[in-house]
Protein backbone atom coordinates (compact mmCIF):
# COMPACT_ATOMS: atom_id res chain seq x y z
CA MET A 1 -6.19 98.72 -56.55
CA VAL A 2 -8.69 99.44 -59.34
CA LEU A 3 -11.21 97.02 -57.79
CA GLU A 4 -10.78 98.60 -54.34
CA ASP A 5 -11.36 102.08 -55.84
CA ALA A 6 -14.51 100.87 -57.62
CA VAL A 7 -15.87 99.34 -54.40
CA ALA A 8 -15.08 102.54 -52.46
CA ARG A 9 -16.83 104.68 -55.13
CA ALA A 10 -19.87 102.38 -55.14
CA ALA A 11 -20.10 102.58 -51.33
CA ALA A 12 -19.78 106.38 -51.43
CA ASP A 13 -22.50 106.60 -54.12
CA ARG A 14 -24.86 104.35 -52.18
CA ARG A 15 -27.66 106.34 -50.62
CA LYS A 16 -30.39 104.98 -48.41
CA VAL A 17 -33.55 104.31 -50.38
CA ALA A 18 -36.30 103.10 -48.07
CA PRO A 19 -40.05 102.70 -48.64
CA THR A 20 -42.14 105.78 -47.93
CA LYS A 21 -44.81 103.83 -46.02
CA LEU A 22 -46.23 100.41 -45.29
CA ALA A 23 -49.01 100.21 -47.87
CA HIS A 24 -51.24 97.33 -46.84
CA VAL A 25 -51.66 93.95 -45.19
CA VAL A 26 -53.25 90.97 -46.95
CA PHE A 27 -54.85 88.05 -45.12
CA ARG A 28 -55.54 84.60 -46.54
CA THR A 29 -58.68 82.98 -45.09
CA ALA A 30 -61.33 80.32 -45.62
CA ALA A 31 -64.02 82.80 -44.46
CA LYS A 32 -63.65 86.17 -46.21
CA GLN A 33 -66.88 87.86 -45.11
CA PRO A 34 -66.33 87.56 -41.32
CA MET A 35 -62.80 88.91 -41.80
CA LEU A 36 -64.00 91.85 -43.93
CA ASP A 37 -66.74 92.62 -41.41
CA TRP A 38 -64.33 92.46 -38.46
CA TYR A 39 -61.60 94.65 -39.98
CA SER A 40 -64.16 97.18 -41.25
CA LYS A 41 -65.63 97.41 -37.76
CA VAL A 42 -62.34 97.46 -35.83
CA LEU A 43 -60.60 99.97 -38.09
CA ASP A 44 -63.77 102.01 -38.66
CA GLY A 45 -63.10 101.47 -42.35
CA GLU A 46 -65.08 100.74 -45.44
CA VAL A 47 -65.00 98.00 -48.02
CA VAL A 48 -63.99 99.60 -51.33
CA PHE A 49 -64.09 96.39 -53.38
CA ASP A 50 -65.52 92.94 -52.77
CA ASN A 51 -66.10 89.99 -55.05
CA ALA A 52 -66.34 86.20 -54.65
CA PHE A 53 -62.70 85.73 -53.59
CA ILE A 54 -61.14 89.06 -52.52
CA GLY A 55 -62.10 92.22 -50.67
CA PHE A 56 -60.31 95.52 -49.96
CA ILE A 57 -60.77 97.89 -46.99
CA THR A 58 -59.57 101.43 -46.48
CA TYR A 59 -59.79 103.76 -43.49
CA ASP A 60 -57.75 106.72 -44.75
CA ASP A 61 -56.46 108.27 -47.99
CA GLU A 62 -54.87 105.00 -49.21
CA HIS A 63 -56.97 103.08 -51.76
CA HIS A 64 -56.69 99.98 -49.54
CA ARG A 65 -54.97 99.17 -46.26
CA VAL A 66 -56.29 95.65 -45.65
CA ALA A 67 -57.15 92.96 -48.18
CA VAL A 68 -58.72 89.58 -47.54
CA ILE A 69 -58.38 86.68 -49.98
CA GLU A 70 -60.64 83.67 -49.61
CA VAL A 71 -58.98 80.33 -50.29
CA PRO A 72 -61.46 77.46 -49.81
CA ASP A 73 -60.49 74.56 -47.54
CA LEU A 74 -57.71 76.40 -45.70
CA GLN A 75 -56.85 74.90 -42.35
CA ARG A 76 -56.09 77.14 -39.38
CA PRO A 77 -52.32 77.05 -38.84
CA GLU A 78 -50.66 76.09 -35.59
CA ARG A 79 -50.06 79.24 -33.52
CA ILE A 80 -46.73 77.99 -32.20
CA GLY A 81 -43.93 78.26 -34.73
CA PRO A 82 -42.47 80.81 -37.08
CA GLY A 83 -44.65 83.38 -38.73
CA LEU A 84 -46.17 86.80 -38.31
CA HIS A 85 -46.81 87.67 -34.65
CA HIS A 86 -49.16 90.64 -35.12
CA VAL A 87 -50.09 93.67 -37.19
CA ALA A 88 -50.27 97.11 -35.51
CA PHE A 89 -52.32 100.22 -36.27
CA THR A 90 -51.48 103.58 -34.64
CA TYR A 91 -54.07 106.08 -33.43
CA GLY A 92 -53.46 109.81 -33.12
CA SER A 93 -54.19 110.18 -29.40
CA LEU A 94 -55.07 108.35 -26.22
CA THR A 95 -58.57 109.79 -26.53
CA ASP A 96 -58.92 108.15 -29.97
CA LEU A 97 -57.61 104.80 -28.72
CA LEU A 98 -59.98 104.81 -25.74
CA HIS A 99 -62.90 105.87 -27.95
CA THR A 100 -62.11 102.90 -30.21
CA TYR A 101 -61.89 100.60 -27.19
CA GLU A 102 -65.36 101.71 -26.04
CA ARG A 103 -66.85 101.48 -29.54
CA LEU A 104 -65.52 97.96 -30.01
CA LYS A 105 -66.54 96.87 -26.50
CA ALA A 106 -70.12 97.93 -27.32
CA GLU A 107 -69.90 95.63 -30.37
CA GLY A 108 -68.69 92.72 -28.21
CA ILE A 109 -65.07 93.02 -29.37
CA ARG A 110 -62.65 93.13 -26.44
CA PRO A 111 -58.87 93.16 -26.31
CA GLN A 112 -57.17 89.90 -25.38
CA TYR A 113 -54.54 91.81 -23.43
CA CYS A 114 -53.24 95.36 -23.01
CA ILE A 115 -49.61 96.42 -22.48
CA ASN A 116 -47.85 99.73 -21.96
CA HIS A 117 -44.60 98.90 -23.75
CA GLY A 118 -43.01 102.24 -22.91
CA PRO A 119 -42.84 103.67 -26.41
CA THR A 120 -46.48 102.68 -27.02
CA THR A 121 -49.70 101.97 -25.15
CA SER A 122 -51.20 98.97 -26.90
CA MET A 123 -54.37 96.88 -26.96
CA TYR A 124 -54.19 93.46 -28.64
CA TYR A 125 -57.22 91.91 -30.31
CA GLY A 126 -57.82 88.64 -32.16
CA ASP A 127 -59.50 88.64 -35.56
CA PRO A 128 -61.93 85.86 -36.63
CA ASP A 129 -59.01 83.71 -37.86
CA GLY A 130 -57.02 84.21 -34.66
CA ASN A 131 -54.50 86.73 -36.04
CA ARG A 132 -53.29 89.28 -33.47
CA VAL A 133 -54.03 92.93 -34.17
CA GLU A 134 -52.48 95.70 -32.07
CA LEU A 135 -54.22 99.05 -31.72
CA GLN A 136 -51.73 101.51 -30.23
CA ILE A 137 -50.68 105.07 -29.58
CA ASP A 138 -47.19 106.51 -29.42
CA ASN A 139 -46.30 107.51 -25.85
CA PHE A 140 -43.66 110.08 -26.76
CA PRO A 141 -44.20 113.32 -28.69
CA THR A 142 -41.22 112.67 -31.00
CA MET A 143 -39.58 109.62 -32.53
CA GLU A 144 -36.24 110.81 -31.12
CA GLU A 145 -37.63 110.59 -27.58
CA ALA A 146 -39.12 107.16 -28.26
CA THR A 147 -35.84 105.92 -29.72
CA ALA A 148 -33.93 107.26 -26.71
CA TRP A 149 -36.30 105.37 -24.42
CA LEU A 150 -35.73 102.17 -26.47
CA ASN A 151 -32.02 102.62 -25.71
CA SER A 152 -32.58 103.19 -21.97
CA PRO A 153 -31.75 100.79 -19.13
CA ALA A 154 -35.48 100.62 -18.25
CA PHE A 155 -36.32 99.18 -21.67
CA ALA A 156 -33.33 96.81 -21.60
CA GLU A 157 -34.56 95.48 -18.25
CA ASN A 158 -38.14 95.04 -19.50
CA PRO A 159 -38.54 95.14 -23.29
CA ILE A 160 -42.09 93.71 -23.07
CA GLY A 161 -43.87 96.25 -20.86
CA VAL A 162 -46.51 96.42 -18.16
CA ASP A 163 -50.03 95.02 -18.43
CA PHE A 164 -52.88 97.45 -17.80
CA ASP A 165 -56.64 97.30 -17.41
CA PRO A 166 -58.31 99.36 -20.16
CA GLU A 167 -61.27 100.12 -17.90
CA GLU A 168 -58.95 101.63 -15.28
CA LEU A 169 -57.14 103.64 -17.95
CA LEU A 170 -60.49 104.88 -19.30
CA ALA A 171 -61.68 105.87 -15.81
CA LYS A 172 -58.47 107.82 -15.13
CA HIS A 173 -58.74 109.51 -18.51
CA ARG A 174 -62.32 110.56 -17.77
CA ARG A 175 -61.24 111.95 -14.38
CA GLY A 176 -58.82 114.24 -16.21
CA VAL A 177 -55.52 112.60 -15.27
CA PRO A 178 -52.97 114.20 -17.64
CA GLU A 179 -52.28 112.13 -20.75
CA ALA A 180 -48.52 112.22 -20.16
CA GLU A 181 -49.08 110.57 -16.78
CA LEU A 182 -51.40 107.94 -18.25
CA LYS A 183 -48.83 107.06 -20.92
CA ARG A 184 -45.90 106.78 -18.51
CA ARG A 185 -44.92 103.16 -18.06
CA PRO A 186 -44.50 102.07 -14.44
CA ASN A 187 -41.32 100.24 -13.47
CA ILE A 188 -42.05 96.62 -12.48
CA GLY A 189 -38.51 95.32 -12.90
CA PRO A 190 -37.41 92.61 -15.32
CA ARG A 191 -39.95 90.95 -17.59
CA GLY A 192 -39.36 88.37 -20.30
CA LEU A 193 -41.47 87.15 -23.16
CA PRO A 194 -45.02 86.33 -22.03
CA ALA A 195 -46.52 82.91 -22.69
CA ARG A 196 -49.07 84.08 -25.27
């Protein structure tokens, strides 16, 4: 009985203690400079430290959001198998995401594919080492609405989303189609995991 009381008290005292934010992402590479250049360009960031083996980039009030460590003689890993699928960065508006798309396109950097997932509108890029990087916006004004959509039958039927052409989205945006309409995911029926 004493042990059960102690366990019950410990459970009652337990409060949720979660991180306040995701601080940064660190990449290991055999070619640091191309990675630093690419992430600085894509994220519109700046290198805040760089030496012979490591560099740090920031794009906001955090001292660094991306770090790149050079390890000579690294071999590119097989892309099929366990591991990190992608890293995502959120923009504040559809206008910002489309501006970034145009800026990167002018630099010769194009998304590999674009998907309206429902909760997000996302563009996926590949960095110089072949890592996937998602640039996205939230499609709902509140997290409660996004979470409700994640629990909807539409998301259960198609948890991947609907591909879109960024040029078409940009053209509609320029014509003044309301942002809420541009963010709304069309229903295409069931969709499983793509072969990417």
